[in-house]
Amino acid sequence: MERHGRREDAWFSFSYTPIRDESSQVAGMFCAAVETTGKVLAERRAMAERERLQQLFQQAPSFMAMVRGSDHVFELVNSSYQQLIGHREVLGMPVREALPELVEQGFIELLDEVYRTGRAFVANAIPISLQQVPSGAVEQRFLNFVYQPITDASGQVTGIFGEGYDITEQVQAEQALRESEEFNRRILESSSDCIKVLDTDARLQFMSTGGMEVMEVDHFGAIQDCDWRSFWYGPEHAKAREAVETALAGGMARFQGPTPTFKGTLKWWDVAVTPITGPHGSVEKILSVSRDISDLKKVEEALRKS
């Protein structure tokens, strides 16, 4: 229409009604029109918003699904959820029929509880066995997810919204790290060398169990945060200071020398000092490994005297 000084699109609802004269002949016409431009534009905006939300729902990195009713019938699933369940066709099907492997794992009971009580259920790193390949083997995954009840205007639960993440790789990485740490711990405990970790000020932060035994240390707290260089005396003190400086510069230092244990037993040590670098290559800690070579020194001394 031409109005407001320009052409613009407009929408109307209208009707034509005949008007008859005294002889019942059509003598004219009555037109009733109501402009619906605002309504049409509002509906288009709402439709565009729904389409945008649908795209966000489908493209969300987390898996999402909506189930309706006490039978938990799938109403909506996004792409991530489809990938999680092996791209099975589940829309319109109850969960127990669409994903039968969940029945024995207690997930139907969880949905029933959320639907009955109206209370959300939150799970962290929960194991779940899923068939991720059609007709394939069931695989164990680990999920973080929430079952959120959906209510109507009267507060009645009508469905459940599920959303979460597959954290299997994270759980496996953490498990591998724990196993690696446990393995390293056993190595440290089985070593008779005195293995120490120092901070960049050369203060003692860790000593291995074997190291505490050979150094005759009953409680690590008695020496924790002590300057490692202060354990060395005379010429060996200068060697220890130089070794720390070398490690802080990114190099490895080695020296031999005598120093007493925590209880005063004099021993000879072969010492290696190396840097512990962070992910960006900067020195974050210092590793000191001291081996008791007292017996070797006694043999060398005996050979010299003979």
C-alpha atoms as a PDB file:
ATOM      1  CA  MET A   1       0.000   0.000   0.000  1.00  0.00           C
ATOM      2  CA  GLU A   2       0.963   3.621  -0.590  1.00  0.00           C
ATOM      3  CA  ARG A   3       0.928   5.316   2.803  1.00  0.00           C
ATOM      4  CA  HIS A   4       3.175   7.322   5.064  1.00  0.00           C
ATOM      5  CA  GLY A   5       4.762   8.651   1.872  1.00  0.00           C
ATOM      6  CA  ARG A   6       6.084   5.271   0.726  1.00  0.00           C
ATOM      7  CA  ARG A   7       5.063   1.835  -0.439  1.00  0.00           C
ATOM      8  CA  GLU A   8       4.912  -0.785   2.292  1.00  0.00           C
ATOM      9  CA  ASP A   9       3.584  -4.310   2.719  1.00  0.00           C
ATOM     10  CA  ALA A  10       0.413  -4.636   4.760  1.00  0.00           C
ATOM     11  CA  TRP A  11      -1.846  -7.519   5.739  1.00  0.00           C
ATOM     12  CA  PHE A  12      -5.634  -7.477   6.263  1.00  0.00           C
ATOM     13  CA  SER A  13      -8.475  -9.770   7.210  1.00  0.00           C
ATOM     14  CA  PHE A  14     -11.619  -8.709   5.361  1.00  0.00           C
ATOM     15  CA  SER A  15     -15.027  -9.816   4.150  1.00  0.00           C
ATOM     16  CA  TYR A  16     -17.449  -8.719   1.385  1.00  0.00           C
ATOM     17  CA  THR A  17     -21.126  -8.845   2.281  1.00  0.00           C
ATOM     18  CA  PRO A  18     -23.898  -8.091  -0.304  1.00  0.00           C
ATOM     19  CA  ILE A  19     -26.442  -5.388   0.550  1.00  0.00           C
ATOM     20  CA  ARG A  20     -29.950  -5.939  -0.892  1.00  0.00           C
ATOM     21  CA  ASP A  21     -32.690  -3.447  -1.617  1.00  0.00           C
ATOM     22  CA  GLU A  22     -36.477  -3.751  -0.998  1.00  0.00           C
ATOM     23  CA  SER A  23     -36.811  -6.165  -3.925  1.00  0.00           C
ATOM     24  CA  SER A  24     -34.033  -8.388  -2.588  1.00  0.00           C
ATOM     25  CA  GLN A  25     -31.734  -7.394  -5.408  1.00  0.00           C
ATOM     26  CA  VAL A  26     -28.081  -6.757  -4.646  1.00  0.00           C
ATOM     27  CA  ALA A  27     -27.738  -3.036  -4.543  1.00  0.00           C
ATOM     28  CA  GLY A  28     -24.320  -2.719  -2.988  1.00  0.00           C
ATOM     29  CA  MET A  29     -21.635  -4.312  -0.948  1.00  0.00           C
ATOM     30  CA  PHE A  30     -20.373  -3.937   2.606  1.00  0.00           C
ATOM     31  CA  CYS A  31     -16.655  -4.469   3.157  1.00  0.00           C
ATOM     32  CA  ALA A  32     -15.375  -5.052   6.706  1.00  0.00           C
ATOM     33  CA  ALA A  33     -11.558  -4.953   6.973  1.00  0.00           C
ATOM     34  CA  VAL A  34      -9.215  -5.300   9.907  1.00  0.00           C
ATOM     35  CA  GLU A  35      -5.506  -4.663   9.424  1.00  0.00           C
ATOM     36  CA  THR A  36      -3.392  -7.569  10.748  1.00  0.00           C
ATOM     37  CA  THR A  37       0.053  -6.267   9.765  1.00  0.00           C
ATOM     38  CA  GLY A  38       1.276  -6.119  13.364  1.00  0.00           C
ATOM     39  CA  LYS A  39       0.058  -9.640  14.093  1.00  0.00           C
ATOM     40  CA  VAL A  40       1.612 -11.078  10.933  1.00  0.00           C
ATOM     41  CA  LEU A  41       4.966  -9.407  11.578  1.00  0.00           C
ATOM     42  CA  ALA A  42       4.908 -10.550  15.215  1.00  0.00           C
ATOM     43  CA  GLU A  43       4.218 -14.127  14.111  1.00  0.00           C
ATOM     44  CA  ARG A  44       7.055 -13.958  11.608  1.00  0.00           C
ATOM     45  CA  ARG A  45       9.414 -12.656  14.261  1.00  0.00           C
ATOM     46  CA  ALA A  46       8.313 -15.412  16.632  1.00  0.00           C
ATOM     47  CA  MET A  47       8.825 -18.014  13.904  1.00  0.00           C
ATOM     48  CA  ALA A  48      12.277 -16.651  13.126  1.00  0.00           C
ATOM     49  CA  GLU A  49      13.136 -16.770  16.837  1.00  0.00           C
ATOM     50  CA  ARG A  50      11.901 -20.355  17.110  1.00  0.00           C
ATOM     51  CA  GLU A  51      14.014 -21.307  14.096  1.00  0.00           C
ATOM     52  CA  ARG A  52      17.040 -19.599  15.658  1.00  0.00           C
ATOM     53  CA  LEU A  53      16.483 -21.410  18.946  1.00  0.00           C
ATOM     54  CA  GLN A  54      16.041 -24.671  17.060  1.00  0.00           C
ATOM     55  CA  GLN A  55      19.372 -24.117  15.306  1.00  0.00           C
ATOM     56  CA  LEU A  56      21.045 -23.346  18.640  1.00  0.00           C
ATOM     57  CA  PHE A  57      19.441 -26.462  20.128  1.00  0.00           C
ATOM     58  CA  GLN A  58      20.684 -28.630  17.276  1.00  0.00           C
ATOM     59  CA  GLN A  59      24.182 -27.115  17.208  1.00  0.00           C
ATOM     60  CA  ALA A  60      24.736 -27.043  20.980  1.00  0.00           C
ATOM     61  CA  PRO A  61      27.948 -28.859  22.020  1.00  0.00           C
ATOM     62  CA  SER A  62      26.132 -30.493  24.934  1.00  0.00           C
ATOM     63  CA  PHE A  63      23.664 -33.297  24.303  1.00  0.00           C
ATOM     64  CA  MET A  64      20.000 -32.355  24.831  1.00  0.00           C
ATOM     65  CA  ALA A  65      16.739 -34.271  24.794  1.00  0.00           C
ATOM     66  CA  MET A  66      13.127 -33.629  25.801  1.00  0.00           C
ATOM     67  CA  VAL A  67      10.785 -36.429  26.869  1.00  0.00           C
ATOM     68  CA  ARG A  68       7.054 -36.077  27.565  1.00  0.00           C
ATOM     69  CA  GLY A  69       4.641 -37.893  29.842  1.00  0.00           C
ATOM     70  CA  SER A  70       5.041 -40.636  32.414  1.00  0.00           C
ATOM     71  CA  ASP A  71       6.311 -43.012  29.711  1.00  0.00           C
ATOM     72  CA  HIS A  72       9.099 -40.544  28.854  1.00  0.00           C
ATOM     73  CA  VAL A  73       8.427 -40.374  25.131  1.00  0.00           C
ATOM     74  CA  PHE A  74      11.145 -38.650  23.121  1.00  0.00           C
ATOM     75  CA  GLU A  75       9.883 -35.332  21.776  1.00  0.00           C
ATOM     76  CA  LEU A  76      13.126 -33.538  20.887  1.00  0.00           C
ATOM     77  CA  VAL A  77      16.786 -34.587  20.544  1.00  0.00           C
ATOM     78  CA  ASN A  78      19.704 -32.576  19.221  1.00  0.00           C
ATOM     79  CA  SER A  79      22.635 -33.667  17.073  1.00  0.00           C
ATOM     80  CA  SER A  80      24.944 -34.279  20.034  1.00  0.00           C
ATOM     81  CA  TYR A  81      22.377 -36.568  21.623  1.00  0.00           C
ATOM     82  CA  GLN A  82      21.957 -38.422  18.339  1.00  0.00           C
ATOM     83  CA  GLN A  83      25.706 -38.953  18.209  1.00  0.00           C
ATOM     84  CA  LEU A  84      25.726 -40.185  21.809  1.00  0.00           C
ATOM     85  CA  ILE A  85      23.122 -42.889  21.095  1.00  0.00           C
ATOM     86  CA  GLY A  86      24.497 -43.981  17.739  1.00  0.00           C
ATOM     87  CA  HIS A  87      22.076 -41.985  15.536  1.00  0.00           C
ATOM     88  CA  ARG A  88      19.150 -44.224  16.378  1.00  0.00           C
ATOM     89  CA  GLU A  89      15.624 -43.068  15.491  1.00  0.00           C
ATOM     90  CA  VAL A  90      14.032 -42.381  18.863  1.00  0.00           C
ATOM     91  CA  LEU A  91      11.470 -39.584  18.324  1.00  0.00           C
ATOM     92  CA  GLY A  92       7.999 -40.649  19.366  1.00  0.00           C
ATOM     93  CA  MET A  93       9.293 -43.677  21.260  1.00  0.00           C
ATOM     94  CA  PRO A  94       9.408 -44.260  25.040  1.00  0.00           C
ATOM     95  CA  VAL A  95      12.937 -44.276  26.435  1.00  0.00           C
ATOM     96  CA  ARG A  96      12.720 -47.910  27.548  1.00  0.00           C
ATOM     97  CA  GLU A  97      11.911 -48.986  23.977  1.00  0.00           C
ATOM     98  CA  ALA A  98      14.236 -46.585  22.158  1.00  0.00           C
ATOM     99  CA  LEU A  99      17.252 -47.279  24.418  1.00  0.00           C
ATOM    100  CA  PRO A 100      16.651 -50.711  25.963  1.00  0.00           C
ATOM    101  CA  GLU A 101      20.186 -50.958  27.354  1.00  0.00           C
ATOM    102  CA  LEU A 102      19.276 -48.223  29.886  1.00  0.00           C
ATOM    103  CA  VAL A 103      16.553 -50.284  31.552  1.00  0.00           C
ATOM    104  CA  GLU A 104      18.906 -52.523  33.551  1.00  0.00           C
ATOM    105  CA  GLN A 105      21.096 -49.550  34.514  1.00  0.00           C
ATOM    106  CA  GLY A 106      18.460 -47.729  36.541  1.00  0.00           C
ATOM    107  CA  PHE A 107      17.975 -44.693  34.327  1.00  0.00           C
ATOM    108  CA  ILE A 108      14.240 -45.324  33.828  1.00  0.00           C
ATOM    109  CA  GLU A 109      13.824 -45.281  37.612  1.00  0.00           C
ATOM    110  CA  LEU A 110      15.689 -41.958  37.732  1.00  0.00           C
ATOM    111  CA  LEU A 111      13.322 -40.469  35.138  1.00  0.00           C
ATOM    112  CA  ASP A 112      10.331 -41.840  37.049  1.00  0.00           C
ATOM    113  CA  GLU A 113      11.603 -40.226  40.250  1.00  0.00           C
ATOM    114  CA  VAL A 114      12.117 -36.813  38.614  1.00  0.00           C
ATOM    115  CA  TYR A 115       8.665 -37.004  36.983  1.00  0.00           C
ATOM    116  CA  ARG A 116       7.015 -38.040  40.265  1.00  0.00           C
ATOM    117  CA  THR A 117       8.741 -35.579  42.629  1.00  0.00           C
ATOM    118  CA  GLY A 118       9.414 -32.622  40.352  1.00  0.00           C
ATOM    119  CA  ARG A 119      12.983 -32.474  41.658  1.00  0.00           C
ATOM    120  CA  ALA A 120      15.937 -32.232  39.306  1.00  0.00           C
ATOM    121  CA  PHE A 121      18.606 -34.937  39.280  1.00  0.00           C
ATOM    122  CA  VAL A 122      22.257 -34.015  38.716  1.00  0.00           C
ATOM    123  CA  ALA A 123      24.943 -36.597  37.905  1.00  0.00           C
ATOM    124  CA  ASN A 124      28.711 -36.154  37.684  1.00  0.00           C
ATOM    125  CA  ALA A 125      30.984 -38.655  35.937  1.00  0.00           C
ATOM    126  CA  ILE A 126      28.290 -41.328  36.082  1.00  0.00           C
ATOM    127  CA  PRO A 127      29.090 -44.497  34.091  1.00  0.00           C
ATOM    128  CA  ILE A 128      26.618 -45.543  31.418  1.00  0.00           C
ATOM    129  CA  SER A 129      26.699 -48.368  28.870  1.00  0.00           C
ATOM    130  CA  LEU A 130      25.433 -47.283  25.440  1.00  0.00           C
ATOM    131  CA  GLN A 131      25.203 -48.759  21.990  1.00  0.00           C
ATOM    132  CA  GLN A 132      26.875 -46.018  19.982  1.00  0.00           C
ATOM    133  CA  VAL A 133      27.042 -47.993  16.743  1.00  0.00           C
ATOM    134  CA  PRO A 134      23.788 -49.445  15.345  1.00  0.00           C
ATOM    135  CA  SER A 135      23.768 -53.204  16.044  1.00  0.00           C
ATOM    136  CA  GLY A 136      27.214 -52.774  17.568  1.00  0.00           C
ATOM    137  CA  ALA A 137      28.638 -53.591  20.981  1.00  0.00           C
ATOM    138  CA  VAL A 138      27.613 -51.706  24.098  1.00  0.00           C
ATOM    139  CA  GLU A 139      30.358 -49.328  25.247  1.00  0.00           C
ATOM    140  CA  GLN A 140      30.905 -47.692  28.612  1.00  0.00           C
ATOM    141  CA  ARG A 141      30.857 -43.912  28.672  1.00  0.00           C
ATOM    142  CA  PHE A 142      30.995 -41.365  31.478  1.00  0.00           C
ATOM    143  CA  LEU A 143      28.514 -38.469  31.556  1.00  0.00           C
ATOM    144  CA  ASN A 144      27.808 -35.264  33.424  1.00  0.00           C
ATOM    145  CA  PHE A 145      24.111 -34.500  33.037  1.00  0.00           C
ATOM    146  CA  VAL A 146      20.956 -33.086  34.602  1.00  0.00           C
ATOM    147  CA  TYR A 147      17.352 -34.261  34.413  1.00  0.00           C
ATOM    148  CA  GLN A 148      15.261 -31.082  34.760  1.00  0.00           C
ATOM    149  CA  PRO A 149      11.467 -31.439  35.229  1.00  0.00           C
ATOM    150  CA  ILE A 150       9.246 -29.369  32.907  1.00  0.00           C
ATOM    151  CA  THR A 151       5.981 -28.107  34.422  1.00  0.00           C
ATOM    152  CA  ASP A 152       2.797 -26.557  33.009  1.00  0.00           C
ATOM    153  CA  ALA A 153       1.010 -23.423  34.235  1.00  0.00           C
ATOM    154  CA  SER A 154      -0.522 -25.353  37.148  1.00  0.00           C
ATOM    155  CA  GLY A 155       2.850 -26.699  38.287  1.00  0.00           C
ATOM    156  CA  GLN A 156       2.184 -30.221  37.062  1.00  0.00           C
ATOM    157  CA  VAL A 157       5.209 -32.059  35.662  1.00  0.00           C
ATOM    158  CA  THR A 158       4.618 -32.768  31.984  1.00  0.00           C
ATOM    159  CA  GLY A 159       8.061 -33.818  30.850  1.00  0.00           C
ATOM    160  CA  ILE A 160      11.784 -33.864  31.517  1.00  0.00           C
ATOM    161  CA  PHE A 161      14.597 -31.970  29.822  1.00  0.00           C
ATOM    162  CA  GLY A 162      17.953 -33.748  29.814  1.00  0.00           C
ATOM    163  CA  GLU A 163      21.231 -31.955  29.099  1.00  0.00           C
ATOM    164  CA  GLY A 164      24.860 -32.847  29.636  1.00  0.00           C
ATOM    165  CA  TYR A 165      28.310 -33.707  28.333  1.00  0.00           C
ATOM    166  CA  ASP A 166      30.179 -36.889  27.488  1.00  0.00           C
ATOM    167  CA  ILE A 167      33.338 -36.665  29.638  1.00  0.00           C
ATOM    168  CA  THR A 168      34.668 -40.156  28.888  1.00  0.00           C
ATOM    169  CA  GLU A 169      38.004 -38.916  27.536  1.00  0.00           C
ATOM    170  CA  GLN A 170      38.477 -36.660  30.557  1.00  0.00           C
ATOM    171  CA  VAL A 171      37.721 -39.501  32.991  1.00  0.00           C
ATOM    172  CA  GLN A 172      40.070 -41.857  31.142  1.00  0.00           C
ATOM    173  CA  ALA A 173      42.815 -39.210  31.126  1.00  0.00           C
ATOM    174  CA  GLU A 174      42.372 -38.623  34.866  1.00  0.00           C
ATOM    175  CA  GLN A 175      42.450 -42.359  35.517  1.00  0.00           C
ATOM    176  CA  ALA A 176      45.609 -42.719  33.430  1.00  0.00           C
ATOM    177  CA  LEU A 177      47.163 -39.817  35.334  1.00  0.00           C
ATOM    178  CA  ARG A 178      46.280 -41.407  38.671  1.00  0.00           C
ATOM    179  CA  GLU A 179      47.775 -44.703  37.538  1.00  0.00           C
ATOM    180  CA  SER A 180      50.886 -42.886  36.306  1.00  0.00           C
ATOM    181  CA  GLU A 181      51.188 -41.004  39.594  1.00  0.00           C
ATOM    182  CA  GLU A 182      50.745 -44.237  41.524  1.00  0.00           C
ATOM    183  CA  PHE A 183      53.413 -45.897  39.365  1.00  0.00           C
ATOM    184  CA  ASN A 184      55.793 -42.982  39.892  1.00  0.00           C
ATOM    185  CA  ARG A 185      55.084 -43.056  43.622  1.00  0.00           C
ATOM    186  CA  ARG A 186      55.997 -46.747  43.808  1.00  0.00           C
ATOM    187  CA  ILE A 187      59.199 -46.042  41.884  1.00  0.00           C
ATOM    188  CA  LEU A 188      60.125 -43.268  44.311  1.00  0.00           C
ATOM    189  CA  GLU A 189      59.328 -45.408  47.329  1.00  0.00           C
ATOM    190  CA  SER A 190      61.402 -48.318  46.012  1.00  0.00           C
ATOM    191  CA  SER A 191      64.438 -46.163  45.198  1.00  0.00           C
ATOM    192  CA  SER A 192      67.252 -46.014  47.760  1.00  0.00           C
ATOM    193  CA  ASP A 193      68.425 -42.668  46.322  1.00  0.00           C
ATOM    194  CA  CYS A 194      67.547 -39.452  48.086  1.00  0.00           C
ATOM    195  CA  ILE A 195      65.180 -37.774  45.611  1.00  0.00           C
ATOM    196  CA  LYS A 196      64.257 -34.192  46.440  1.00  0.00           C
ATOM    197  CA  VAL A 197      62.242 -31.426  44.789  1.00  0.00           C
ATOM    198  CA  LEU A 198      63.223 -27.827  45.474  1.00  0.00           C
ATOM    199  CA  ASP A 199      61.470 -24.594  44.605  1.00  0.00           C
ATOM    200  CA  THR A 200      63.319 -21.903  42.645  1.00  0.00           C
ATOM    201  CA  ASP A 201      64.713 -20.524  45.930  1.00  0.00           C
ATOM    202  CA  ALA A 202      66.258 -23.969  46.586  1.00  0.00           C
ATOM    203  CA  ARG A 203      63.866 -24.605  49.490  1.00  0.00           C
ATOM    204  CA  LEU A 204      63.022 -28.269  50.081  1.00  0.00           C
ATOM    205  CA  GLN A 205      59.475 -29.168  48.981  1.00  0.00           C
ATOM    206  CA  PHE A 206      59.605 -32.972  48.704  1.00  0.00           C
ATOM    207  CA  MET A 207      61.797 -35.891  49.723  1.00  0.00           C
ATOM    208  CA  SER A 208      61.247 -39.510  48.716  1.00  0.00           C
ATOM    209  CA  THR A 209      60.615 -42.220  51.323  1.00  0.00           C
ATOM    210  CA  GLY A 210      63.892 -43.911  50.459  1.00  0.00           C
ATOM    211  CA  GLY A 211      65.629 -40.568  50.674  1.00  0.00           C
ATOM    212  CA  MET A 212      64.266 -39.952  54.180  1.00  0.00           C
ATOM    213  CA  GLU A 213      65.612 -43.345  55.251  1.00  0.00           C
ATOM    214  CA  VAL A 214      69.108 -42.829  53.849  1.00  0.00           C
ATOM    215  CA  MET A 215      69.194 -39.248  55.206  1.00  0.00           C
ATOM    216  CA  GLU A 216      67.889 -40.483  58.597  1.00  0.00           C
ATOM    217  CA  VAL A 217      64.916 -38.104  58.547  1.00  0.00           C
ATOM    218  CA  ASP A 218      61.999 -39.237  60.738  1.00  0.00           C
ATOM    219  CA  HIS A 219      59.560 -36.457  59.805  1.00  0.00           C
ATOM    220  CA  PHE A 220      59.743 -34.474  56.576  1.00  0.00           C
ATOM    221  CA  GLY A 221      58.133 -31.486  58.277  1.00  0.00           C
ATOM    222  CA  ALA A 222      61.330 -31.010  60.278  1.00  0.00           C
ATOM    223  CA  ILE A 223      63.266 -30.067  57.134  1.00  0.00           C
ATOM    224  CA  GLN A 224      60.539 -28.858  54.759  1.00  0.00           C
ATOM    225  CA  ASP A 225      61.206 -25.363  53.336  1.00  0.00           C
ATOM    226  CA  CYS A 226      64.826 -25.511  54.503  1.00  0.00           C
ATOM    227  CA  ASP A 227      67.390 -24.173  52.046  1.00  0.00           C
ATOM    228  CA  TRP A 228      68.903 -27.282  50.466  1.00  0.00           C
ATOM    229  CA  ARG A 229      72.235 -25.495  50.050  1.00  0.00           C
ATOM    230  CA  SER A 230      72.506 -25.144  53.845  1.00  0.00           C
ATOM    231  CA  PHE A 231      72.882 -28.953  54.126  1.00  0.00           C
ATOM    232  CA  TRP A 232      76.356 -28.653  52.590  1.00  0.00           C
ATOM    233  CA  TYR A 233      79.480 -27.366  54.291  1.00  0.00           C
ATOM    234  CA  GLY A 234      82.887 -26.075  53.243  1.00  0.00           C
ATOM    235  CA  PRO A 235      83.786 -26.547  49.557  1.00  0.00           C
ATOM    236  CA  GLU A 236      80.599 -28.574  48.998  1.00  0.00           C
ATOM    237  CA  HIS A 237      78.449 -25.573  49.921  1.00  0.00           C
ATOM    238  CA  ALA A 238      79.911 -23.647  46.967  1.00  0.00           C
ATOM    239  CA  LYS A 239      79.313 -26.680  44.732  1.00  0.00           C
ATOM    240  CA  ALA A 240      75.677 -26.832  45.848  1.00  0.00           C
ATOM    241  CA  ARG A 241      75.140 -23.112  45.200  1.00  0.00           C
ATOM    242  CA  GLU A 242      76.688 -23.425  41.725  1.00  0.00           C
ATOM    243  CA  ALA A 243      74.548 -26.490  40.973  1.00  0.00           C
ATOM    244  CA  VAL A 244      71.356 -24.566  41.819  1.00  0.00           C
ATOM    245  CA  GLU A 245      72.392 -21.654  39.615  1.00  0.00           C
ATOM    246  CA  THR A 246      73.109 -24.061  36.740  1.00  0.00           C
ATOM    247  CA  ALA A 247      69.704 -25.717  37.108  1.00  0.00           C
ATOM    248  CA  LEU A 248      67.910 -22.349  37.225  1.00  0.00           C
ATOM    249  CA  ALA A 249      69.670 -21.487  33.952  1.00  0.00           C
ATOM    250  CA  GLY A 250      68.288 -24.677  32.418  1.00  0.00           C
ATOM    251  CA  GLY A 251      71.391 -26.861  32.721  1.00  0.00           C
ATOM    252  CA  MET A 252      72.336 -29.993  34.656  1.00  0.00           C
ATOM    253  CA  ALA A 253      75.004 -30.028  37.359  1.00  0.00           C
ATOM    254  CA  ARG A 254      76.757 -32.895  39.127  1.00  0.00           C
ATOM    255  CA  PHE A 255      79.184 -33.076  42.032  1.00  0.00           C
ATOM    256  CA  GLN A 256      80.385 -35.360  44.810  1.00  0.00           C
ATOM    257  CA  GLY A 257      81.034 -34.488  48.405  1.00  0.00           C
ATOM    258  CA  PRO A 258      80.534 -35.388  52.071  1.00  0.00           C
ATOM    259  CA  THR A 259      77.783 -34.064  54.306  1.00  0.00           C
ATOM    260  CA  PRO A 260      76.163 -35.490  57.439  1.00  0.00           C
ATOM    261  CA  THR A 261      72.643 -36.953  57.632  1.00  0.00           C
ATOM    262  CA  PHE A 262      69.924 -35.351  59.719  1.00  0.00           C
ATOM    263  CA  LYS A 263      71.166 -37.379  62.701  1.00  0.00           C
ATOM    264  CA  GLY A 264      74.818 -36.509  62.141  1.00  0.00           C
ATOM    265  CA  THR A 265      76.098 -39.587  60.298  1.00  0.00           C
ATOM    266  CA  LEU A 266      78.757 -38.442  57.836  1.00  0.00           C
ATOM    267  CA  LYS A 267      78.214 -39.847  54.347  1.00  0.00           C
ATOM    268  CA  TRP A 268      79.558 -39.263  50.880  1.00  0.00           C
ATOM    269  CA  TRP A 269      77.101 -38.398  48.114  1.00  0.00           C
ATOM    270  CA  ASP A 270      77.026 -38.347  44.335  1.00  0.00           C
ATOM    271  CA  VAL A 271      74.592 -35.524  43.499  1.00  0.00           C
ATOM    272  CA  ALA A 272      72.765 -34.645  40.253  1.00  0.00           C
ATOM    273  CA  VAL A 273      70.784 -31.399  40.045  1.00  0.00           C
ATOM    274  CA  THR A 274      68.457 -30.777  37.086  1.00  0.00           C
ATOM    275  CA  PRO A 275      65.707 -28.274  36.243  1.00  0.00           C
ATOM    276  CA  ILE A 276      61.997 -29.143  36.160  1.00  0.00           C
ATOM    277  CA  THR A 277      60.418 -27.014  33.459  1.00  0.00           C
ATOM    278  CA  GLY A 278      56.798 -25.980  32.922  1.00  0.00           C
ATOM    279  CA  PRO A 279      54.743 -26.157  29.718  1.00  0.00           C
ATOM    280  CA  HIS A 280      56.362 -22.973  28.385  1.00  0.00           C
ATOM    281  CA  GLY A 281      59.917 -24.079  29.082  1.00  0.00           C
ATOM    282  CA  SER A 282      60.543 -21.931  32.164  1.00  0.00           C
ATOM    283  CA  VAL A 283      62.134 -23.540  35.233  1.00  0.00           C
ATOM    284  CA  GLU A 284      59.452 -24.123  37.870  1.00  0.00           C
ATOM    285  CA  LYS A 285      61.187 -26.562  40.233  1.00  0.00           C
ATOM    286  CA  ILE A 286      64.595 -28.179  40.755  1.00  0.00           C
ATOM    287  CA  LEU A 287      65.221 -31.919  41.053  1.00  0.00           C
ATOM    288  CA  SER A 288      68.073 -33.118  43.229  1.00  0.00           C
ATOM    289  CA  VAL A 289      69.024 -36.812  43.313  1.00  0.00           C
ATOM    290  CA  SER A 290      71.714 -37.829  45.845  1.00  0.00           C
ATOM    291  CA  ARG A 291      73.182 -41.337  45.940  1.00  0.00           C
ATOM    292  CA  ASP A 292      74.990 -42.626  49.002  1.00  0.00           C
ATOM    293  CA  ILE A 293      78.523 -43.589  47.821  1.00  0.00           C
ATOM    294  CA  SER A 294      80.051 -43.897  51.285  1.00  0.00           C
ATOM    295  CA  ASP A 295      80.940 -47.574  50.803  1.00  0.00           C
ATOM    296  CA  LEU A 296      82.599 -46.773  47.473  1.00  0.00           C
ATOM    297  CA  LYS A 297      84.666 -44.046  49.111  1.00  0.00           C
ATOM    298  CA  LYS A 298      85.778 -46.474  51.835  1.00  0.00           C
ATOM    299  CA  VAL A 299      86.944 -48.927  49.173  1.00  0.00           C
ATOM    300  CA  GLU A 300      88.782 -46.173  47.309  1.00  0.00           C
ATOM    301  CA  GLU A 301      90.442 -45.073  50.551  1.00  0.00           C
ATOM    302  CA  ALA A 302      91.472 -48.624  51.372  1.00  0.00           C
ATOM    303  CA  LEU A 303      92.978 -49.058  47.910  1.00  0.00           C
ATOM    304  CA  ARG A 304      94.965 -45.853  48.282  1.00  0.00           C
ATOM    305  CA  LYS A 305      96.383 -46.976  51.628  1.00  0.00           C
ATOM    306  CA  SER A 306      97.318 -50.373  50.265  1.00  0.00           C
END
